[in-house]
Amino acid sequence: MHTYIGNKKNYQWIWIAVDRLGKRFISFVTGKRDAKTGKELWDKLKNKSSDMVATDYWKAYEIFVDKDIHKQSKAETYTVEGYTNPY
């Protein structure tokens, strides 16, 4: 999800983490759509245990998500899409 203030150069992305099976909101950060902001969210989740982390195919996830638990698949991200897409 994103919004912009003034012009498109000022995009601010809302990164969210949800428990897909429990359909619960876990945490969020805001910032650019870059690996640095993604890592900020990932760091907030360090104390949460998970057998699997599902993301879309954005390459930066590979930088901070442990490859042993990372699953890239649009089919697994529908819960997040439900939070970010009101339509």
PDB file of N, CA and C in Angstrom:
ATOM      1  N   MET A   1       0.857  -1.163   0.000  1.00  0.00           N
ATOM      2  CA  MET A   1       0.000   0.000   0.000  1.00  0.00           C
ATOM      3  C   MET A   1       0.901   1.222   0.000  1.00  0.00           C
ATOM      4  N   HIS A   2       0.516   2.252  -0.688  1.00  0.00           N
ATOM      5  CA  HIS A   2       1.319   3.460  -0.700  1.00  0.00           C
ATOM      6  C   HIS A   2       0.435   4.683  -0.844  1.00  0.00           C
ATOM      7  N   THR A   3       1.024   5.784  -0.500  1.00  0.00           N
ATOM      8  CA  THR A   3       0.390   7.074  -0.706  1.00  0.00           C
ATOM      9  C   THR A   3       1.504   8.050  -1.038  1.00  0.00           C
ATOM     10  N   TYR A   4       1.174   9.189  -1.558  1.00  0.00           N
ATOM     11  CA  TYR A   4       2.216  10.170  -1.791  1.00  0.00           C
ATOM     12  C   TYR A   4       1.743  11.536  -1.336  1.00  0.00           C
ATOM     13  N   ILE A   5       2.731  12.339  -0.970  1.00  0.00           N
ATOM     14  CA  ILE A   5       2.459  13.680  -0.466  1.00  0.00           C
ATOM     15  C   ILE A   5       3.140  14.663  -1.406  1.00  0.00           C
ATOM     16  N   GLY A   6       2.383  15.508  -2.067  1.00  0.00           N
ATOM     17  CA  GLY A   6       2.952  16.529  -2.940  1.00  0.00           C
ATOM     18  C   GLY A   6       3.277  16.026  -4.324  1.00  0.00           C
ATOM     19  N   ASN A   7       4.170  15.059  -4.426  1.00  0.00           N
ATOM     20  CA  ASN A   7       4.503  14.483  -5.723  1.00  0.00           C
ATOM     21  C   ASN A   7       4.963  13.043  -5.531  1.00  0.00           C
ATOM     22  N   LYS A   8       5.121  12.353  -6.618  1.00  0.00           N
ATOM     23  CA  LYS A   8       5.438  10.932  -6.537  1.00  0.00           C
ATOM     24  C   LYS A   8       6.811  10.648  -5.952  1.00  0.00           C
ATOM     25  N   LYS A   9       7.686  11.609  -5.888  1.00  0.00           N
ATOM     26  CA  LYS A   9       9.002  11.404  -5.289  1.00  0.00           C
ATOM     27  C   LYS A   9       8.903  11.220  -3.778  1.00  0.00           C
ATOM     28  N   ASN A  10       7.779  11.586  -3.188  1.00  0.00           N
ATOM     29  CA  ASN A  10       7.605  11.490  -1.740  1.00  0.00           C
ATOM     30  C   ASN A  10       6.749  10.289  -1.332  1.00  0.00           C
ATOM     31  N   TYR A  11       6.705   9.237  -2.142  1.00  0.00           N
ATOM     32  CA  TYR A  11       5.934   8.055  -1.783  1.00  0.00           C
ATOM     33  C   TYR A  11       6.329   7.546  -0.402  1.00  0.00           C
ATOM     34  N   GLN A  12       5.347   7.170   0.381  1.00  0.00           N
ATOM     35  CA  GLN A  12       5.559   6.505   1.651  1.00  0.00           C
ATOM     36  C   GLN A  12       4.793   5.187   1.605  1.00  0.00           C
ATOM     37  N   TRP A  13       5.484   4.090   1.828  1.00  0.00           N
ATOM     38  CA  TRP A  13       4.884   2.768   1.789  1.00  0.00           C
ATOM     39  C   TRP A  13       4.551   2.319   3.198  1.00  0.00           C
ATOM     40  N   ILE A  14       3.462   1.609   3.346  1.00  0.00           N
ATOM     41  CA  ILE A  14       3.104   0.997   4.611  1.00  0.00           C
ATOM     42  C   ILE A  14       3.399  -0.488   4.477  1.00  0.00           C
ATOM     43  N   TRP A  15       4.370  -0.947   5.234  1.00  0.00           N
ATOM     44  CA  TRP A  15       4.742  -2.351   5.253  1.00  0.00           C
ATOM     45  C   TRP A  15       4.021  -2.992   6.432  1.00  0.00           C
ATOM     46  N   ILE A  16       3.312  -4.092   6.205  1.00  0.00           N
ATOM     47  CA  ILE A  16       2.632  -4.744   7.309  1.00  0.00           C
ATOM     48  C   ILE A  16       2.985  -6.227   7.357  1.00  0.00           C
ATOM     49  N   ALA A  17       2.914  -6.762   8.558  1.00  0.00           N
ATOM     50  CA  ALA A  17       3.099  -8.200   8.773  1.00  0.00           C
ATOM     51  C   ALA A  17       1.812  -8.724   9.385  1.00  0.00           C
ATOM     52  N   VAL A  18       1.318  -9.817   8.832  1.00  0.00           N
ATOM     53  CA  VAL A  18       0.105 -10.436   9.363  1.00  0.00           C
ATOM     54  C   VAL A  18       0.329 -11.933   9.553  1.00  0.00           C
ATOM     55  N   ASP A  19      -0.418 -12.489  10.474  1.00  0.00           N
ATOM     56  CA  ASP A  19      -0.478 -13.930  10.657  1.00  0.00           C
ATOM     57  C   ASP A  19      -1.532 -14.420   9.675  1.00  0.00           C
ATOM     58  N   ARG A  20      -1.097 -15.049   8.609  1.00  0.00           N
ATOM     59  CA  ARG A  20      -2.012 -15.447   7.542  1.00  0.00           C
ATOM     60  C   ARG A  20      -3.048 -16.449   8.023  1.00  0.00           C
ATOM     61  N   LEU A  21      -2.630 -17.426   8.810  1.00  0.00           N
ATOM     62  CA  LEU A  21      -3.572 -18.447   9.256  1.00  0.00           C
ATOM     63  C   LEU A  21      -4.537 -17.912  10.315  1.00  0.00           C
ATOM     64  N   GLY A  22      -4.012 -17.110  11.251  1.00  0.00           N
ATOM     65  CA  GLY A  22      -4.859 -16.538  12.285  1.00  0.00           C
ATOM     66  C   GLY A  22      -5.544 -15.256  11.860  1.00  0.00           C
ATOM     67  N   LYS A  23      -5.154 -14.752  10.686  1.00  0.00           N
ATOM     68  CA  LYS A  23      -5.700 -13.513  10.123  1.00  0.00           C
ATOM     69  C   LYS A  23      -5.601 -12.356  11.113  1.00  0.00           C
ATOM     70  N   ARG A  24      -4.426 -12.262  11.755  1.00  0.00           N
ATOM     71  CA  ARG A  24      -4.196 -11.198  12.727  1.00  0.00           C
ATOM     72  C   ARG A  24      -3.106 -10.258  12.243  1.00  0.00           C
ATOM     73  N   PHE A  25      -3.314  -8.985  12.490  1.00  0.00           N
ATOM     74  CA  PHE A  25      -2.318  -7.957  12.230  1.00  0.00           C
ATOM     75  C   PHE A  25      -1.225  -8.099  13.275  1.00  0.00           C
ATOM     76  N   ILE A  26       0.058  -8.081  12.863  1.00  0.00           N
ATOM     77  CA  ILE A  26       1.158  -8.241  13.804  1.00  0.00           C
ATOM     78  C   ILE A  26       1.912  -6.935  14.020  1.00  0.00           C
ATOM     79  N   SER A  27       2.373  -6.305  12.926  1.00  0.00           N
ATOM     80  CA  SER A  27       3.181  -5.096  13.076  1.00  0.00           C
ATOM     81  C   SER A  27       3.230  -4.343  11.754  1.00  0.00           C
ATOM     82  N   PHE A  28       3.811  -3.129  11.790  1.00  0.00           N
ATOM     83  CA  PHE A  28       3.965  -2.340  10.573  1.00  0.00           C
ATOM     84  C   PHE A  28       5.116  -1.351  10.721  1.00  0.00           C
ATOM     85  N   VAL A  29       5.580  -0.860   9.591  1.00  0.00           N
ATOM     86  CA  VAL A  29       6.501   0.278   9.505  1.00  0.00           C
ATOM     87  C   VAL A  29       6.097   1.089   8.280  1.00  0.00           C
ATOM     88  N   THR A  30       6.535   2.324   8.227  1.00  0.00           N
ATOM     89  CA  THR A  30       6.315   3.149   7.045  1.00  0.00           C
ATOM     90  C   THR A  30       7.655   3.644   6.542  1.00  0.00           C
ATOM     91  N   GLY A  31       7.730   3.885   5.256  1.00  0.00           N
ATOM     92  CA  GLY A  31       8.970   4.384   4.667  1.00  0.00           C
ATOM     93  C   GLY A  31       9.003   4.102   3.183  1.00  0.00           C
ATOM     94  N   LYS A  32      10.190   4.100   2.643  1.00  0.00           N
ATOM     95  CA  LYS A  32      10.363   3.841   1.218  1.00  0.00           C
ATOM     96  C   LYS A  32      10.186   2.359   0.929  1.00  0.00           C
ATOM     97  N   ARG A  33      10.016   2.041  -0.333  1.00  0.00           N
ATOM     98  CA  ARG A  33       9.931   0.635  -0.740  1.00  0.00           C
ATOM     99  C   ARG A  33      11.343   0.168  -1.074  1.00  0.00           C
ATOM    100  N   ASP A  34      12.126   0.023   0.001  1.00  0.00           N
ATOM    101  CA  ASP A  34      13.502  -0.415  -0.169  1.00  0.00           C
ATOM    102  C   ASP A  34      13.850  -1.453   0.893  1.00  0.00           C
ATOM    103  N   ALA A  35      15.005  -2.072   0.737  1.00  0.00           N
ATOM    104  CA  ALA A  35      15.424  -3.127   1.662  1.00  0.00           C
ATOM    105  C   ALA A  35      15.612  -2.583   3.072  1.00  0.00           C
ATOM    106  N   LYS A  36      16.025  -1.342   3.209  1.00  0.00           N
ATOM    107  CA  LYS A  36      16.233  -0.763   4.537  1.00  0.00           C
ATOM    108  C   LYS A  36      14.915  -0.728   5.330  1.00  0.00           C
ATOM    109  N   THR A  37      13.839  -0.281   4.703  1.00  0.00           N
ATOM    110  CA  THR A  37      12.550  -0.228   5.383  1.00  0.00           C
ATOM    111  C   THR A  37      12.032  -1.640   5.648  1.00  0.00           C
ATOM    112  N   GLY A  38      12.201  -2.533   4.689  1.00  0.00           N
ATOM    113  CA  GLY A  38      11.792  -3.920   4.893  1.00  0.00           C
ATOM    114  C   GLY A  38      12.516  -4.554   6.065  1.00  0.00           C
ATOM    115  N   LYS A  39      13.806  -4.264   6.185  1.00  0.00           N
ATOM    116  CA  LYS A  39      14.589  -4.796   7.301  1.00  0.00           C
ATOM    117  C   LYS A  39      14.106  -4.225   8.630  1.00  0.00           C
ATOM    118  N   GLU A  40      13.645  -2.980   8.647  1.00  0.00           N
ATOM    119  CA  GLU A  40      13.098  -2.401   9.876  1.00  0.00           C
ATOM    120  C   GLU A  40      11.907  -3.220  10.367  1.00  0.00           C
ATOM    121  N   LEU A  41      11.031  -3.603   9.443  1.00  0.00           N
ATOM    122  CA  LEU A  41       9.892  -4.439   9.831  1.00  0.00           C
ATOM    123  C   LEU A  41      10.382  -5.807  10.281  1.00  0.00           C
ATOM    124  N   TRP A  42      11.298  -6.376   9.536  1.00  0.00           N
ATOM    125  CA  TRP A  42      11.840  -7.693   9.871  1.00  0.00           C
ATOM    126  C   TRP A  42      12.449  -7.682  11.274  1.00  0.00           C
ATOM    127  N   ASP A  43      13.164  -6.619  11.621  1.00  0.00           N
ATOM    128  CA  ASP A  43      13.765  -6.507  12.955  1.00  0.00           C
ATOM    129  C   ASP A  43      12.697  -6.444  14.046  1.00  0.00           C
ATOM    130  N   LYS A  44      11.562  -5.831  13.749  1.00  0.00           N
ATOM    131  CA  LYS A  44      10.462  -5.768  14.724  1.00  0.00           C
ATOM    132  C   LYS A  44       9.848  -7.153  14.956  1.00  0.00           C
ATOM    133  N   LEU A  45      10.052  -8.061  14.032  1.00  0.00           N
ATOM    134  CA  LEU A  45       9.459  -9.386  14.116  1.00  0.00           C
ATOM    135  C   LEU A  45      10.401 -10.438  14.689  1.00  0.00           C
ATOM    136  N   LYS A  46      11.603 -10.044  15.087  1.00  0.00           N
ATOM    137  CA  LYS A  46      12.616 -11.002  15.547  1.00  0.00           C
ATOM    138  C   LYS A  46      12.130 -11.922  16.659  1.00  0.00           C
ATOM    139  N   ASN A  47      11.317 -11.424  17.552  1.00  0.00           N
ATOM    140  CA  ASN A  47      10.847 -12.232  18.685  1.00  0.00           C
ATOM    141  C   ASN A  47       9.614 -13.068  18.363  1.00  0.00           C
ATOM    142  N   LYS A  48       9.128 -12.982  17.153  1.00  0.00           N
ATOM    143  CA  LYS A  48       7.981 -13.779  16.728  1.00  0.00           C
ATOM    144  C   LYS A  48       8.501 -15.033  16.027  1.00  0.00           C
ATOM    145  N   SER A  49       7.967 -16.178  16.384  1.00  0.00           N
ATOM    146  CA  SER A  49       8.421 -17.397  15.728  1.00  0.00           C
ATOM    147  C   SER A  49       7.535 -17.691  14.513  1.00  0.00           C
ATOM    148  N   SER A  50       8.155 -18.249  13.483  1.00  0.00           N
ATOM    149  CA  SER A  50       7.412 -18.567  12.278  1.00  0.00           C
ATOM    150  C   SER A  50       8.113 -19.688  11.522  1.00  0.00           C
ATOM    151  N   ASP A  51       7.320 -20.617  11.026  1.00  0.00           N
ATOM    152  CA  ASP A  51       7.869 -21.693  10.201  1.00  0.00           C
ATOM    153  C   ASP A  51       7.998 -21.268   8.752  1.00  0.00           C
ATOM    154  N   MET A  52       7.219 -20.238   8.364  1.00  0.00           N
ATOM    155  CA  MET A  52       7.227 -19.789   6.985  1.00  0.00           C
ATOM    156  C   MET A  52       6.922 -18.293   6.921  1.00  0.00           C
ATOM    157  N   VAL A  53       7.620 -17.622   6.030  1.00  0.00           N
ATOM    158  CA  VAL A  53       7.350 -16.217   5.734  1.00  0.00           C
ATOM    159  C   VAL A  53       7.029 -16.149   4.253  1.00  0.00           C
ATOM    160  N   ALA A  54       5.841 -15.668   3.932  1.00  0.00           N
ATOM    161  CA  ALA A  54       5.416 -15.579   2.536  1.00  0.00           C
ATOM    162  C   ALA A  54       5.481 -14.140   2.071  1.00  0.00           C
ATOM    163  N   THR A  55       6.079 -13.923   0.918  1.00  0.00           N
ATOM    164  CA  THR A  55       6.167 -12.597   0.313  1.00  0.00           C
ATOM    165  C   THR A  55       5.864 -12.723  -1.173  1.00  0.00           C
ATOM    166  N   ASP A  56       5.728 -11.560  -1.811  1.00  0.00           N
ATOM    167  CA  ASP A  56       5.654 -11.587  -3.265  1.00  0.00           C
ATOM    168  C   ASP A  56       7.081 -11.738  -3.788  1.00  0.00           C
ATOM    169  N   TYR A  57       7.289 -11.473  -5.049  1.00  0.00           N
ATOM    170  CA  TYR A  57       8.586 -11.740  -5.676  1.00  0.00           C
ATOM    171  C   TYR A  57       9.538 -10.553  -5.680  1.00  0.00           C
ATOM    172  N   TRP A  58       9.284  -9.550  -4.859  1.00  0.00           N
ATOM    173  CA  TRP A  58      10.181  -8.405  -4.823  1.00  0.00           C
ATOM    174  C   TRP A  58      11.540  -8.869  -4.318  1.00  0.00           C
ATOM    175  N   LYS A  59      12.585  -8.635  -5.079  1.00  0.00           N
ATOM    176  CA  LYS A  59      13.912  -9.197  -4.837  1.00  0.00           C
ATOM    177  C   LYS A  59      14.527  -8.791  -3.494  1.00  0.00           C
ATOM    178  N   ALA A  60      14.244  -7.622  -2.999  1.00  0.00           N
ATOM    179  CA  ALA A  60      14.857  -7.156  -1.753  1.00  0.00           C
ATOM    180  C   ALA A  60      14.535  -8.043  -0.556  1.00  0.00           C
ATOM    181  N   TYR A  61      13.420  -8.782  -0.580  1.00  0.00           N
ATOM    182  CA  TYR A  61      13.114  -9.676   0.537  1.00  0.00           C
ATOM    183  C   TYR A  61      14.229 -10.687   0.764  1.00  0.00           C
ATOM    184  N   GLU A  62      14.893 -11.089  -0.301  1.00  0.00           N
ATOM    185  CA  GLU A  62      15.975 -12.067  -0.200  1.00  0.00           C
ATOM    186  C   GLU A  62      17.144 -11.550   0.639  1.00  0.00           C
ATOM    187  N   ILE A  63      17.242 -10.247   0.798  1.00  0.00           N
ATOM    188  CA  ILE A  63      18.338  -9.657   1.571  1.00  0.00           C
ATOM    189  C   ILE A  63      18.152  -9.883   3.069  1.00  0.00           C
ATOM    190  N   PHE A  64      16.918  -9.808   3.557  1.00  0.00           N
ATOM    191  CA  PHE A  64      16.728  -9.867   5.007  1.00  0.00           C
ATOM    192  C   PHE A  64      15.862 -11.016   5.511  1.00  0.00           C
ATOM    193  N   VAL A  65      15.167 -11.742   4.647  1.00  0.00           N
ATOM    194  CA  VAL A  65      14.358 -12.879   5.086  1.00  0.00           C
ATOM    195  C   VAL A  65      15.186 -14.155   4.944  1.00  0.00           C
ATOM    196  N   ASP A  66      15.229 -14.950   5.995  1.00  0.00           N
ATOM    197  CA  ASP A  66      15.981 -16.203   6.004  1.00  0.00           C
ATOM    198  C   ASP A  66      15.456 -17.138   4.914  1.00  0.00           C
ATOM    199  N   LYS A  67      16.332 -17.567   4.029  1.00  0.00           N
ATOM    200  CA  LYS A  67      15.906 -18.368   2.884  1.00  0.00           C
ATOM    201  C   LYS A  67      15.295 -19.715   3.285  1.00  0.00           C
ATOM    202  N   ASP A  68      15.607 -20.205   4.485  1.00  0.00           N
ATOM    203  CA  ASP A  68      15.059 -21.489   4.933  1.00  0.00           C
ATOM    204  C   ASP A  68      13.561 -21.424   5.242  1.00  0.00           C
ATOM    205  N   ILE A  69      13.049 -20.232   5.525  1.00  0.00           N
ATOM    206  CA  ILE A  69      11.627 -20.092   5.847  1.00  0.00           C
ATOM    207  C   ILE A  69      10.884 -19.203   4.846  1.00  0.00           C
ATOM    208  N   HIS A  70      11.590 -18.733   3.827  1.00  0.00           N
ATOM    209  CA  HIS A  70      11.017 -17.773   2.871  1.00  0.00           C
ATOM    210  C   HIS A  70      10.318 -18.493   1.728  1.00  0.00           C
ATOM    211  N   LYS A  71       9.069 -18.143   1.508  1.00  0.00           N
ATOM    212  CA  LYS A  71       8.310 -18.654   0.359  1.00  0.00           C
ATOM    213  C   LYS A  71       7.810 -17.465  -0.438  1.00  0.00           C
ATOM    214  N   GLN A  72       8.226 -17.378  -1.683  1.00  0.00           N
ATOM    215  CA  GLN A  72       7.778 -16.300  -2.559  1.00  0.00           C
ATOM    216  C   GLN A  72       6.649 -16.826  -3.428  1.00  0.00           C
ATOM    217  N   SER A  73       5.462 -16.244  -3.211  1.00  0.00           N
ATOM    218  CA  SER A  73       4.288 -16.706  -3.939  1.00  0.00           C
ATOM    219  C   SER A  73       3.154 -15.713  -3.751  1.00  0.00           C
ATOM    220  N   LYS A  74       2.592 -15.230  -4.815  1.00  0.00           N
ATOM    221  CA  LYS A  74       1.428 -14.342  -4.708  1.00  0.00           C
ATOM    222  C   LYS A  74       0.237 -15.092  -4.100  1.00  0.00           C
ATOM    223  N   ALA A  75       0.193 -16.406  -4.273  1.00  0.00           N
ATOM    224  CA  ALA A  75      -0.908 -17.204  -3.727  1.00  0.00           C
ATOM    225  C   ALA A  75      -0.902 -17.207  -2.204  1.00  0.00           C
ATOM    226  N   GLU A  76       0.219 -16.937  -1.580  1.00  0.00           N
ATOM    227  CA  GLU A  76       0.334 -16.962  -0.120  1.00  0.00           C
ATOM    228  C   GLU A  76       0.209 -15.582   0.514  1.00  0.00           C
ATOM    229  N   THR A  77       0.037 -14.542  -0.285  1.00  0.00           N
ATOM    230  CA  THR A  77       0.013 -13.183   0.266  1.00  0.00           C
ATOM    231  C   THR A  77      -1.386 -12.575   0.298  1.00  0.00           C
ATOM    232  N   TYR A  78      -2.404 -13.387   0.102  1.00  0.00           N
ATOM    233  CA  TYR A  78      -3.768 -12.839   0.011  1.00  0.00           C
ATOM    234  C   TYR A  78      -4.244 -12.183   1.304  1.00  0.00           C
ATOM    235  N   THR A  79      -3.781 -12.619   2.476  1.00  0.00           N
ATOM    236  CA  THR A  79      -4.212 -11.987   3.728  1.00  0.00           C
ATOM    237  C   THR A  79      -3.700 -10.558   3.809  1.00  0.00           C
ATOM    238  N   VAL A  80      -2.452 -10.339   3.426  1.00  0.00           N
ATOM    239  CA  VAL A  80      -1.893  -8.980   3.410  1.00  0.00           C
ATOM    240  C   VAL A  80      -2.652  -8.127   2.410  1.00  0.00           C
ATOM    241  N   GLU A  81      -2.935  -8.673   1.248  1.00  0.00           N
ATOM    242  CA  GLU A  81      -3.679  -7.917   0.235  1.00  0.00           C
ATOM    243  C   GLU A  81      -5.041  -7.497   0.775  1.00  0.00           C
ATOM    244  N   GLY A  82      -5.649  -8.326   1.582  1.00  0.00           N
ATOM    245  CA  GLY A  82      -6.936  -7.980   2.173  1.00  0.00           C
ATOM    246  C   GLY A  82      -6.855  -6.786   3.120  1.00  0.00           C
ATOM    247  N   TYR A  83      -5.734  -6.643   3.811  1.00  0.00           N
ATOM    248  CA  TYR A  83      -5.527  -5.490   4.682  1.00  0.00           C
ATOM    249  C   TYR A  83      -5.258  -4.220   3.886  1.00  0.00           C
ATOM    250  N   THR A  84      -4.517  -4.344   2.803  1.00  0.00           N
ATOM    251  CA  THR A  84      -4.058  -3.158   2.086  1.00  0.00           C
ATOM    252  C   THR A  84      -4.944  -2.735   0.943  1.00  0.00           C
ATOM    253  N   ASN A  85      -5.861  -3.571   0.510  1.00  0.00           N
ATOM    254  CA  ASN A  85      -6.719  -3.229  -0.603  1.00  0.00           C
ATOM    255  C   ASN A  85      -8.175  -3.193  -0.128  1.00  0.00           C
ATOM    256  N   PRO A  86      -8.739  -2.013   0.071  1.00  0.00           N
ATOM    257  CA  PRO A  86     -10.085  -1.940   0.607  1.00  0.00           C
ATOM    258  C   PRO A  86     -11.176  -2.312  -0.400  1.00  0.00           C
ATOM    259  N   TYR A  87     -10.830  -2.563  -1.656  1.00  0.00           N
ATOM    260  CA  TYR A  87     -11.861  -2.833  -2.677  1.00  0.00           C
ATOM    261  C   TYR A  87     -11.952  -4.296  -3.000  1.00  0.00           C
TER     262      TYR A  87
END
